[in-house]
N, C-alpha and C. Protein backbone atom coordinates (compact mmCIF):
# COMPACT_ATOMS: atom_id res chain seq x y z
N MET A 1 -34.26 -0.51 28.35
CA MET A 1 -33.69 -1.67 28.09
C MET A 1 -32.21 -1.28 26.70
N ILE A 2 -31.07 -1.66 27.07
CA ILE A 2 -30.31 -1.55 25.77
C ILE A 2 -29.88 -3.09 25.64
N ILE A 3 -29.74 -3.00 24.19
CA ILE A 3 -29.47 -4.61 23.52
C ILE A 3 -28.15 -4.16 22.95
N SER A 4 -26.92 -5.39 23.09
CA SER A 4 -25.58 -5.34 22.47
C SER A 4 -25.76 -6.15 21.92
N GLN A 5 -25.80 -6.60 20.20
CA GLN A 5 -25.46 -7.80 19.76
C GLN A 5 -24.99 -7.17 18.08
N PRO A 6 -23.32 -7.61 18.36
CA PRO A 6 -22.54 -7.41 17.49
C PRO A 6 -22.33 -8.27 16.32
N ALA A 7 -21.94 -8.41 15.22
CA ALA A 7 -21.13 -9.37 14.39
C ALA A 7 -21.39 -11.01 14.73
N SER A 8 -20.23 -10.55 15.69
CA SER A 8 -19.88 -12.33 15.86
C SER A 8 -21.05 -13.08 16.62
N SER A 9 -21.38 -12.36 17.26
CA SER A 9 -23.38 -13.19 17.40
C SER A 9 -24.35 -13.36 16.44
N PHE A 10 -24.09 -12.91 16.01
CA PHE A 10 -25.23 -12.98 14.29
C PHE A 10 -25.41 -14.27 14.40
N PRO A 11 -24.93 -15.31 14.31
CA PRO A 11 -25.14 -16.53 13.45
C PRO A 11 -25.79 -18.00 14.78
N ALA A 12 -26.27 -16.89 16.01
CA ALA A 12 -26.88 -17.47 17.03
C ALA A 12 -28.53 -16.52 17.22
N SER A 13 -28.40 -15.83 16.37
CA SER A 13 -29.26 -14.81 15.84
C SER A 13 -30.57 -14.92 15.26
N ASN A 14 -31.96 -15.29 15.35
CA ASN A 14 -33.29 -15.15 14.65
C ASN A 14 -34.06 -14.49 14.99
N GLU A 15 -34.99 -14.86 14.30
CA GLU A 15 -36.50 -13.91 14.87
C GLU A 15 -36.80 -14.01 16.28
N LYS A 16 -37.44 -15.43 16.56
CA LYS A 16 -37.46 -15.98 17.88
C LYS A 16 -36.66 -15.25 19.40
N GLN A 17 -34.67 -15.54 19.10
CA GLN A 17 -34.22 -14.75 20.11
C GLN A 17 -34.36 -12.88 19.95
N PHE A 18 -34.17 -12.42 19.23
CA PHE A 18 -34.61 -11.10 18.80
C PHE A 18 -36.28 -10.69 19.52
N TYR A 19 -36.77 -11.03 18.83
CA TYR A 19 -37.97 -11.04 19.73
C TYR A 19 -38.17 -11.26 21.63
N VAL A 20 -37.23 -12.76 21.60
CA VAL A 20 -37.43 -12.32 23.14
C VAL A 20 -36.31 -10.90 23.73
N SER A 21 -35.63 -10.48 22.72
CA SER A 21 -34.22 -9.52 24.03
C SER A 21 -34.80 -8.46 23.83
N VAL A 22 -35.59 -8.27 22.69
CA VAL A 22 -36.36 -6.96 22.47
C VAL A 22 -37.36 -7.13 23.28
N SER A 23 -38.47 -7.70 24.33
CA SER A 23 -39.60 -7.78 24.45
C SER A 23 -39.34 -7.22 25.95
N ARG A 24 -37.77 -7.76 26.41
CA ARG A 24 -37.70 -7.79 28.18
C ARG A 24 -37.97 -5.87 28.05
N GLY A 25 -37.58 -4.93 27.57
CA GLY A 25 -37.89 -3.34 27.65
C GLY A 25 -39.32 -2.63 27.51
N ARG A 26 -39.46 -2.61 28.67
CA ARG A 26 -40.78 -2.32 29.44
C ARG A 26 -41.15 -1.15 28.73
N GLU A 27 -40.11 0.48 27.99
CA GLU A 27 -40.77 1.72 28.20
C GLU A 27 -40.19 1.64 26.59
N ASN A 28 -38.96 1.09 26.71
CA ASN A 28 -37.80 1.97 25.77
C ASN A 28 -36.57 0.43 25.96
N VAL A 29 -36.28 0.44 23.85
CA VAL A 29 -35.44 -0.65 23.72
C VAL A 29 -34.44 -0.15 23.13
N SER A 30 -33.04 0.44 22.73
CA SER A 30 -31.82 0.92 22.36
C SER A 30 -30.94 -0.46 21.98
N ILE A 31 -30.54 -0.77 20.60
CA ILE A 31 -30.19 -2.09 20.25
C ILE A 31 -29.26 -1.35 19.37
N TYR A 32 -27.51 -1.61 19.61
CA TYR A 32 -26.53 -1.07 19.30
C TYR A 32 -25.28 -2.46 18.64
N THR A 33 -25.21 -2.28 17.32
CA THR A 33 -24.70 -3.37 16.38
C THR A 33 -23.44 -2.98 15.68
N ASP A 34 -22.90 -3.36 14.97
CA ASP A 34 -21.98 -2.91 13.98
C ASP A 34 -22.47 -3.02 12.54
N ASP A 35 -23.41 -4.00 12.22
CA ASP A 35 -23.91 -3.63 10.85
C ASP A 35 -25.13 -4.44 11.15
N ALA A 36 -25.81 -3.03 11.19
CA ALA A 36 -27.07 -3.21 11.25
C ALA A 36 -28.09 -4.46 9.85
N GLU A 37 -27.65 -3.96 8.59
CA GLU A 37 -28.41 -4.73 7.73
C GLU A 37 -28.06 -6.47 7.49
N ASP A 38 -26.87 -6.55 8.67
CA ASP A 38 -26.86 -8.25 8.17
C ASP A 38 -27.26 -8.77 9.57
N LEU A 39 -27.24 -8.05 11.19
CA LEU A 39 -28.20 -8.40 11.77
C LEU A 39 -29.73 -8.38 11.93
N LEU A 40 -30.18 -7.53 10.26
CA LEU A 40 -32.08 -7.47 10.00
C LEU A 40 -31.76 -8.30 9.26
N SER A 41 -31.07 -9.34 8.34
CA SER A 41 -31.42 -10.75 7.54
C SER A 41 -31.02 -11.15 8.67
N HIS A 42 -30.44 -11.76 9.60
CA HIS A 42 -30.40 -13.31 10.64
C HIS A 42 -31.98 -12.83 11.77
N VAL A 43 -31.94 -12.31 12.05
CA VAL A 43 -33.72 -11.75 12.78
C VAL A 43 -34.49 -12.37 11.99
N GLU A 44 -34.44 -11.48 10.30
CA GLU A 44 -35.91 -11.77 10.02
C GLU A 44 -35.52 -13.92 9.80
N LYS A 45 -34.53 -14.57 9.68
CA LYS A 45 -34.81 -15.81 10.08
C LYS A 45 -35.22 -16.40 11.04
N HIS A 46 -36.48 -17.46 10.79
CA HIS A 46 -36.87 -17.89 11.85
C HIS A 46 -36.47 -19.02 12.28
N GLY A 47 -36.60 -19.48 13.48
CA GLY A 47 -36.42 -21.04 13.68
C GLY A 47 -35.80 -20.95 15.28
N ASP A 48 -35.40 -22.11 15.80
CA ASP A 48 -35.06 -22.61 17.01
C ASP A 48 -33.92 -21.43 17.30
N ARG A 49 -33.61 -21.18 18.76
CA ARG A 49 -31.77 -21.18 18.71
C ARG A 49 -31.17 -22.34 18.77
N GLN A 50 -29.72 -21.89 18.26
CA GLN A 50 -29.05 -22.77 18.22
C GLN A 50 -28.31 -23.26 19.05
N GLY A 51 -27.44 -24.12 20.00
CA GLY A 51 -26.52 -24.60 20.74
C GLY A 51 -25.51 -24.37 20.65
N ALA A 52 -24.61 -24.32 21.27
CA ALA A 52 -23.17 -23.42 21.34
C ALA A 52 -22.75 -24.84 20.19
N THR A 53 -22.66 -26.52 20.94
CA THR A 53 -22.16 -27.24 18.81
C THR A 53 -23.03 -27.32 17.96
N GLU A 54 -24.07 -26.49 18.15
CA GLU A 54 -23.75 -26.30 16.20
C GLU A 54 -23.57 -25.21 15.85
N LEU A 55 -23.35 -23.84 16.43
CA LEU A 55 -22.72 -23.01 15.79
C LEU A 55 -21.27 -22.92 15.92
N ILE A 56 -20.87 -23.92 16.63
CA ILE A 56 -19.40 -24.17 16.96
C ILE A 56 -19.27 -24.85 14.71
N LYS A 57 -19.62 -25.70 14.98
CA LYS A 57 -20.04 -26.78 13.43
C LYS A 57 -19.94 -26.25 12.18
N THR A 58 -21.18 -25.01 12.46
CA THR A 58 -21.03 -23.75 11.51
C THR A 58 -20.22 -23.14 11.23
N GLU A 59 -19.65 -22.77 12.16
CA GLU A 59 -17.80 -21.75 12.05
C GLU A 59 -16.74 -22.61 11.66
N PHE A 60 -17.01 -23.96 11.42
CA PHE A 60 -15.82 -24.51 11.52
C PHE A 60 -16.05 -24.65 10.06
N SER A 61 -17.07 -25.33 9.58
CA SER A 61 -17.51 -25.38 8.11
C SER A 61 -17.02 -24.24 6.75
N LYS A 62 -17.95 -23.35 7.73
CA LYS A 62 -17.01 -22.14 7.20
C LYS A 62 -15.60 -21.67 7.26
N THR A 63 -15.11 -22.14 8.58
CA THR A 63 -13.33 -22.10 8.47
C THR A 63 -12.75 -22.90 7.03
N ILE A 64 -13.39 -23.59 7.18
CA ILE A 64 -12.52 -24.74 6.67
C ILE A 64 -12.82 -24.29 4.46
N GLU A 65 -13.70 -24.17 4.42
CA GLU A 65 -14.56 -23.88 3.14
C GLU A 65 -13.19 -22.01 2.41
N ILE A 66 -13.18 -21.14 3.61
CA ILE A 66 -12.25 -20.26 3.16
C ILE A 66 -11.02 -20.86 3.45
N GLU A 67 -10.42 -21.55 4.30
CA GLU A 67 -9.50 -21.84 3.34
C GLU A 67 -9.16 -23.30 2.53
N LYS A 68 -10.06 -23.61 2.13
CA LYS A 68 -9.87 -24.51 1.08
C LYS A 68 -9.81 -23.23 -0.15
N GLU A 69 -10.80 -22.36 0.25
CA GLU A 69 -10.25 -21.58 -1.44
C GLU A 69 -9.19 -20.44 -0.90
N ILE A 70 -8.12 -20.28 -0.36
CA ILE A 70 -7.28 -19.95 -0.10
C ILE A 70 -6.21 -20.80 -0.90
N SER A 71 -6.04 -21.91 -0.34
CA SER A 71 -5.65 -22.91 -1.11
C SER A 71 -5.28 -22.87 -2.83
N ARG A 72 -7.17 -22.99 -3.22
CA ARG A 72 -7.30 -23.20 -4.39
C ARG A 72 -6.69 -21.67 -5.10
N GLU A 73 -6.30 -20.21 -4.23
CA GLU A 73 -5.95 -19.97 -4.31
C GLU A 73 -4.46 -19.30 -4.85
N ILE A 74 -3.53 -20.36 -3.94
CA ILE A 74 -2.40 -20.39 -3.70
C ILE A 74 -1.89 -21.14 -4.76
N LYS A 75 -2.51 -22.46 -5.41
CA LYS A 75 -2.04 -23.02 -6.31
C LYS A 75 -2.08 -22.68 -7.89
N ARG A 76 -3.52 -21.73 -8.07
CA ARG A 76 -3.70 -20.54 -9.09
C ARG A 76 -1.94 -20.27 -9.00
N GLU A 77 -1.46 -19.21 -8.42
CA GLU A 77 -0.30 -18.48 -8.23
C GLU A 77 0.21 -18.74 -8.56
N ILE A 78 0.73 -20.09 -7.98
CA ILE A 78 1.99 -20.71 -8.55
C ILE A 78 2.38 -21.17 -9.80
N GLU A 79 0.88 -21.77 -10.24
CA GLU A 79 0.77 -22.19 -11.73
C GLU A 79 0.98 -20.82 -12.38
N LEU A 80 0.98 -19.64 -12.18
CA LEU A 80 1.01 -18.46 -12.85
C LEU A 80 2.42 -18.16 -13.07
N ILE A 81 3.46 -18.27 -11.47
CA ILE A 81 4.48 -17.97 -11.38
C ILE A 81 5.03 -18.93 -12.54
N LYS A 82 5.23 -20.30 -12.13
CA LYS A 82 5.79 -21.59 -13.31
C LYS A 82 5.50 -20.62 -14.49
N THR A 83 4.17 -20.59 -14.86
CA THR A 83 4.45 -19.89 -16.59
C THR A 83 4.87 -18.92 -17.23
N VAL A 84 5.00 -18.05 -16.52
CA VAL A 84 5.95 -16.54 -16.42
C VAL A 84 7.61 -16.97 -16.54
N ASP A 85 8.43 -16.58 -17.72
CA ASP A 85 9.35 -16.74 -17.89
C ASP A 85 10.33 -15.44 -17.95
N ILE A 86 10.80 -15.63 -16.47
CA ILE A 86 11.80 -14.40 -16.11
C ILE A 86 12.78 -14.70 -16.28
N GLU A 87 14.18 -13.63 -16.90
CA GLU A 87 15.46 -13.80 -17.59
C GLU A 87 15.48 -12.77 -16.03
N PRO A 88 17.19 -13.57 -14.99
CA PRO A 88 17.46 -12.42 -14.43
C PRO A 88 18.43 -11.38 -15.39
N ASP A 89 18.08 -9.96 -14.84
CA ASP A 89 19.19 -8.68 -14.62
C ASP A 89 20.58 -9.22 -14.69
N ILE A 90 21.49 -9.28 -15.91
CA ILE A 90 23.25 -9.59 -15.23
C ILE A 90 23.40 -7.82 -15.76
């Protein structure tokens, strides 16, 4: 049995989902991932599998928070630029 579980699938991962995946193997199971530590932290979570709608809401919320932080950083940079007194080279 070969399990491929990339980081992009981690939001849908939990203990139950991982148990079902691993228990399909009769003799041997190989797990391939791009972030073993993060996979472990996700599969340690108990819980029911999320549907597509719940996953999209979660990812959308994360995206909005990232965009807000970027906006705050841009505003800080603009304020910093306004406070710097630059004289043109003549």
